[in-house]
Amino acid sequence: MKQTDNSAKQPIAVEVIAGKTYMWCACGKSQKQPWCDGSHAGTGKTPLPFTAKETKAVHLCGCKHTGHAPFCDGTHQILNGGGRDEYFQDGQTD
C-alpha cells in the first residue's frame, strides 16, 4: 500500500464536538490533515463526512488505509512492518 501525499504513518488525535459534522480527508493530499481542504480535486476520491456522537478526543486515521474510516484501526502498524497492538484488535470505539 502506497502512502498518500500528506498522510501520516500514525493516527491523528483530535477533539471533536458532539453534533458537529466534520469532513475527514480520504485522499491524503490535504494540507490540514486530518480535515479536507479541497485538495482531492481530480483524485477521484471524496472526503468522508462524519458527525461526532459525543464531545471527546478521538484518533482519526492518518495513513488513509483504515477499514474503519475515519477512525484509526491500527492498519498503520502493519504498513510500518509491525502488527496491530491490543488497542486495535477489537476495533477502536471512538
N, C-alpha and C. Protein backbone atom coordinates (compact mmCIF):
# COMPACT_ATOMS: atom_id res chain seq x y z
N MET A 1 0.84 -1.19 0.00
CA MET A 1 0.00 0.00 0.00
C MET A 1 0.87 1.24 0.00
N LYS A 2 0.59 2.12 -0.90
CA LYS A 2 1.37 3.34 -1.04
C LYS A 2 0.88 4.43 -0.09
N GLN A 3 1.82 5.12 0.54
CA GLN A 3 1.49 6.24 1.41
C GLN A 3 1.03 7.40 0.54
N THR A 4 -0.05 8.08 0.91
CA THR A 4 -0.52 9.21 0.15
C THR A 4 0.27 10.47 0.51
N ASP A 5 0.12 11.51 -0.27
CA ASP A 5 0.95 12.71 -0.16
C ASP A 5 1.19 13.24 1.25
N ASN A 6 0.15 13.63 1.95
CA ASN A 6 0.30 14.24 3.27
C ASN A 6 -0.23 13.33 4.37
N SER A 7 -0.45 12.09 4.04
CA SER A 7 -0.96 11.18 5.06
C SER A 7 0.14 10.89 6.08
N ALA A 8 -0.28 10.51 7.26
CA ALA A 8 0.64 10.25 8.35
C ALA A 8 0.84 8.75 8.54
N LYS A 9 1.89 8.39 9.21
CA LYS A 9 2.15 6.98 9.47
C LYS A 9 1.63 6.57 10.84
N GLN A 10 0.78 7.42 11.41
CA GLN A 10 0.20 7.14 12.71
C GLN A 10 -1.14 7.87 12.82
N PRO A 11 -1.96 7.52 13.82
CA PRO A 11 -3.24 8.19 13.98
C PRO A 11 -3.05 9.66 14.37
N ILE A 12 -4.08 10.43 14.11
CA ILE A 12 -4.07 11.85 14.44
C ILE A 12 -5.11 12.08 15.53
N ALA A 13 -4.66 12.48 16.71
CA ALA A 13 -5.57 12.72 17.83
C ALA A 13 -6.18 14.11 17.71
N VAL A 14 -7.51 14.17 17.78
CA VAL A 14 -8.23 15.44 17.70
C VAL A 14 -9.39 15.42 18.69
N GLU A 15 -9.83 16.58 19.08
CA GLU A 15 -11.01 16.73 19.92
C GLU A 15 -12.18 17.04 19.00
N VAL A 16 -13.26 16.26 19.12
CA VAL A 16 -14.47 16.51 18.32
C VAL A 16 -15.59 16.92 19.26
N ILE A 17 -16.55 17.65 18.71
CA ILE A 17 -17.66 18.19 19.49
C ILE A 17 -18.95 17.48 19.10
N ALA A 18 -19.70 17.02 20.08
CA ALA A 18 -20.95 16.31 19.85
C ALA A 18 -21.87 17.09 18.92
N GLY A 19 -22.41 16.41 17.90
CA GLY A 19 -23.36 17.02 16.98
C GLY A 19 -22.73 17.76 15.82
N LYS A 20 -21.44 17.99 15.86
CA LYS A 20 -20.76 18.72 14.79
C LYS A 20 -20.35 17.73 13.69
N THR A 21 -20.54 18.14 12.43
CA THR A 21 -20.14 17.31 11.30
C THR A 21 -18.77 17.76 10.80
N TYR A 22 -17.91 16.79 10.57
CA TYR A 22 -16.54 17.02 10.12
C TYR A 22 -16.34 16.37 8.77
N MET A 23 -15.40 16.87 7.99
CA MET A 23 -15.06 16.28 6.70
C MET A 23 -13.64 15.73 6.79
N TRP A 24 -13.53 14.40 6.89
CA TRP A 24 -12.24 13.71 7.01
C TRP A 24 -11.62 13.56 5.64
N CYS A 25 -10.37 13.95 5.50
CA CYS A 25 -9.64 13.81 4.24
C CYS A 25 -9.40 12.33 3.96
N ALA A 26 -9.89 11.85 2.82
CA ALA A 26 -9.71 10.45 2.44
C ALA A 26 -8.60 10.28 1.41
N CYS A 27 -8.14 11.39 0.81
CA CYS A 27 -7.16 11.28 -0.28
C CYS A 27 -5.72 11.43 0.19
N GLY A 28 -5.51 12.08 1.33
CA GLY A 28 -4.16 12.28 1.85
C GLY A 28 -3.46 13.52 1.33
N LYS A 29 -4.12 14.30 0.49
CA LYS A 29 -3.47 15.48 -0.11
C LYS A 29 -3.69 16.77 0.67
N SER A 30 -4.63 16.78 1.58
CA SER A 30 -4.95 17.99 2.34
C SER A 30 -3.75 18.50 3.14
N GLN A 31 -3.59 19.80 3.17
CA GLN A 31 -2.56 20.43 3.99
C GLN A 31 -3.06 20.63 5.43
N LYS A 32 -4.32 20.29 5.68
CA LYS A 32 -4.93 20.48 7.00
C LYS A 32 -5.35 19.15 7.61
N GLN A 33 -4.52 18.12 7.47
CA GLN A 33 -4.83 16.78 7.98
C GLN A 33 -5.28 16.83 9.44
N PRO A 34 -6.29 16.09 9.82
CA PRO A 34 -6.99 15.08 9.05
C PRO A 34 -8.20 15.61 8.30
N TRP A 35 -8.36 16.91 8.23
CA TRP A 35 -9.54 17.53 7.63
C TRP A 35 -9.33 17.82 6.15
N CYS A 36 -10.40 17.77 5.40
CA CYS A 36 -10.37 18.06 3.97
C CYS A 36 -10.19 19.56 3.74
N ASP A 37 -9.36 19.90 2.76
CA ASP A 37 -9.21 21.30 2.36
C ASP A 37 -9.51 21.48 0.87
N GLY A 38 -10.08 20.45 0.24
CA GLY A 38 -10.43 20.53 -1.18
C GLY A 38 -9.35 20.04 -2.12
N SER A 39 -8.22 19.61 -1.58
CA SER A 39 -7.10 19.18 -2.42
C SER A 39 -7.38 17.88 -3.18
N HIS A 40 -8.49 17.22 -2.89
CA HIS A 40 -8.83 15.97 -3.56
C HIS A 40 -9.28 16.17 -5.00
N ALA A 41 -9.50 17.40 -5.42
CA ALA A 41 -9.98 17.67 -6.78
C ALA A 41 -9.12 16.93 -7.80
N GLY A 42 -9.77 16.14 -8.64
CA GLY A 42 -9.07 15.41 -9.68
C GLY A 42 -8.51 14.06 -9.26
N THR A 43 -8.68 13.68 -7.98
CA THR A 43 -8.12 12.41 -7.50
C THR A 43 -9.11 11.26 -7.63
N GLY A 44 -10.38 11.59 -7.80
CA GLY A 44 -11.41 10.55 -7.82
C GLY A 44 -11.85 10.16 -6.42
N LYS A 45 -11.25 10.76 -5.41
CA LYS A 45 -11.63 10.48 -4.03
C LYS A 45 -12.40 11.68 -3.47
N THR A 46 -13.24 11.40 -2.50
CA THR A 46 -14.01 12.47 -1.85
C THR A 46 -13.86 12.36 -0.35
N PRO A 47 -14.01 13.49 0.35
CA PRO A 47 -13.90 13.45 1.81
C PRO A 47 -15.07 12.66 2.41
N LEU A 48 -14.85 12.17 3.61
CA LEU A 48 -15.88 11.41 4.32
C LEU A 48 -16.47 12.29 5.42
N PRO A 49 -17.75 12.62 5.29
CA PRO A 49 -18.38 13.38 6.38
C PRO A 49 -18.74 12.45 7.54
N PHE A 50 -18.52 12.94 8.75
CA PHE A 50 -18.99 12.19 9.92
C PHE A 50 -19.40 13.17 11.00
N THR A 51 -20.38 12.78 11.78
CA THR A 51 -20.89 13.61 12.86
C THR A 51 -20.50 12.97 14.19
N ALA A 52 -19.86 13.77 15.03
CA ALA A 52 -19.42 13.28 16.34
C ALA A 52 -20.63 12.97 17.21
N LYS A 53 -20.61 11.81 17.83
CA LYS A 53 -21.71 11.41 18.70
C LYS A 53 -21.58 12.03 20.08
N GLU A 54 -20.33 12.32 20.47
CA GLU A 54 -20.10 12.96 21.76
C GLU A 54 -18.84 13.81 21.69
N THR A 55 -18.69 14.71 22.63
CA THR A 55 -17.51 15.55 22.70
C THR A 55 -16.41 14.74 23.40
N LYS A 56 -15.33 14.50 22.66
CA LYS A 56 -14.22 13.73 23.23
C LYS A 56 -13.04 13.73 22.27
N ALA A 57 -11.91 13.23 22.76
CA ALA A 57 -10.74 13.05 21.91
C ALA A 57 -10.89 11.73 21.16
N VAL A 58 -10.58 11.76 19.87
CA VAL A 58 -10.63 10.55 19.04
C VAL A 58 -9.32 10.44 18.26
N HIS A 59 -9.06 9.26 17.75
CA HIS A 59 -7.87 9.03 16.92
C HIS A 59 -8.33 8.75 15.50
N LEU A 60 -8.11 9.72 14.62
CA LEU A 60 -8.51 9.56 13.23
C LEU A 60 -7.37 8.94 12.43
N CYS A 61 -7.73 8.20 11.41
CA CYS A 61 -6.74 7.53 10.58
C CYS A 61 -5.88 8.56 9.86
N GLY A 62 -4.58 8.38 9.94
CA GLY A 62 -3.65 9.25 9.23
C GLY A 62 -3.09 8.59 7.99
N CYS A 63 -3.05 7.25 7.97
CA CYS A 63 -2.44 6.53 6.84
C CYS A 63 -3.40 6.39 5.66
N LYS A 64 -4.69 6.60 5.90
CA LYS A 64 -5.75 6.53 4.89
C LYS A 64 -6.03 5.11 4.40
N HIS A 65 -5.64 4.11 5.18
CA HIS A 65 -5.88 2.71 4.80
C HIS A 65 -6.74 1.97 5.81
N THR A 66 -7.34 2.69 6.76
CA THR A 66 -8.18 2.06 7.78
C THR A 66 -9.38 1.35 7.16
N GLY A 67 -9.84 0.35 7.83
CA GLY A 67 -11.08 -0.32 7.44
C GLY A 67 -12.24 0.19 8.27
N HIS A 68 -11.99 1.23 9.06
CA HIS A 68 -12.98 1.77 9.99
C HIS A 68 -13.03 3.30 9.87
N ALA A 69 -12.96 3.79 8.63
CA ALA A 69 -12.89 5.24 8.37
C ALA A 69 -14.04 5.98 9.05
N PRO A 70 -13.75 7.14 9.63
CA PRO A 70 -12.49 7.88 9.60
C PRO A 70 -11.55 7.52 10.75
N PHE A 71 -11.93 6.52 11.56
CA PHE A 71 -11.15 6.21 12.75
C PHE A 71 -9.99 5.27 12.46
N CYS A 72 -8.95 5.41 13.23
CA CYS A 72 -7.79 4.54 13.12
C CYS A 72 -8.16 3.12 13.57
N ASP A 73 -7.74 2.12 12.80
CA ASP A 73 -7.94 0.73 13.20
C ASP A 73 -6.62 -0.02 13.36
N GLY A 74 -5.52 0.71 13.35
CA GLY A 74 -4.22 0.09 13.55
C GLY A 74 -3.52 -0.35 12.28
N THR A 75 -4.14 -0.15 11.13
CA THR A 75 -3.53 -0.57 9.87
C THR A 75 -2.16 0.05 9.66
N HIS A 76 -1.94 1.25 10.18
CA HIS A 76 -0.63 1.91 10.01
C HIS A 76 0.49 1.07 10.60
N GLN A 77 0.18 0.28 11.63
CA GLN A 77 1.21 -0.56 12.23
C GLN A 77 1.65 -1.65 11.27
N ILE A 78 0.71 -2.19 10.51
CA ILE A 78 1.04 -3.20 9.50
C ILE A 78 1.83 -2.55 8.36
N LEU A 79 1.40 -1.37 7.94
CA LEU A 79 2.10 -0.66 6.87
C LEU A 79 3.55 -0.36 7.25
N ASN A 80 3.78 -0.18 8.55
CA ASN A 80 5.12 0.12 9.05
C ASN A 80 5.90 -1.15 9.42
N GLY A 81 5.38 -2.31 9.04
CA GLY A 81 6.11 -3.56 9.25
C GLY A 81 5.83 -4.28 10.55
N GLY A 82 4.86 -3.82 11.30
CA GLY A 82 4.55 -4.46 12.58
C GLY A 82 3.20 -5.13 12.54
N GLY A 83 2.66 -5.40 13.71
CA GLY A 83 1.32 -5.96 13.83
C GLY A 83 0.47 -5.03 14.66
N ARG A 84 -0.81 -5.24 14.66
CA ARG A 84 -1.70 -4.39 15.45
C ARG A 84 -1.52 -4.69 16.93
N ASP A 85 -1.55 -3.63 17.75
CA ASP A 85 -1.45 -3.87 19.19
C ASP A 85 -2.84 -4.17 19.75
N GLU A 86 -2.92 -4.49 21.02
CA GLU A 86 -4.18 -4.89 21.63
C GLU A 86 -5.26 -3.83 21.52
N TYR A 87 -4.88 -2.55 21.54
CA TYR A 87 -5.85 -1.47 21.48
C TYR A 87 -6.72 -1.59 20.23
N PHE A 88 -6.12 -2.04 19.13
CA PHE A 88 -6.82 -2.06 17.86
C PHE A 88 -7.40 -3.43 17.52
N GLN A 89 -7.07 -4.47 18.23
CA GLN A 89 -7.51 -5.81 17.86
C GLN A 89 -9.01 -5.98 17.89
N ASP A 90 -9.68 -5.36 18.82
CA ASP A 90 -11.13 -5.47 18.89
C ASP A 90 -11.83 -4.30 18.22
N GLY A 91 -11.08 -3.41 17.62
CA GLY A 91 -11.66 -2.24 16.98
C GLY A 91 -11.77 -1.08 17.94
N GLN A 92 -11.34 0.06 17.51
CA GLN A 92 -11.41 1.26 18.33
C GLN A 92 -12.85 1.66 18.54
N THR A 93 -13.17 2.18 19.69
CA THR A 93 -14.54 2.58 19.99
C THR A 93 -14.75 4.08 19.91
N ASP A 94 -13.81 4.78 19.29
CA ASP A 94 -14.01 6.23 19.11
C ASP A 94 -15.23 6.40 18.28
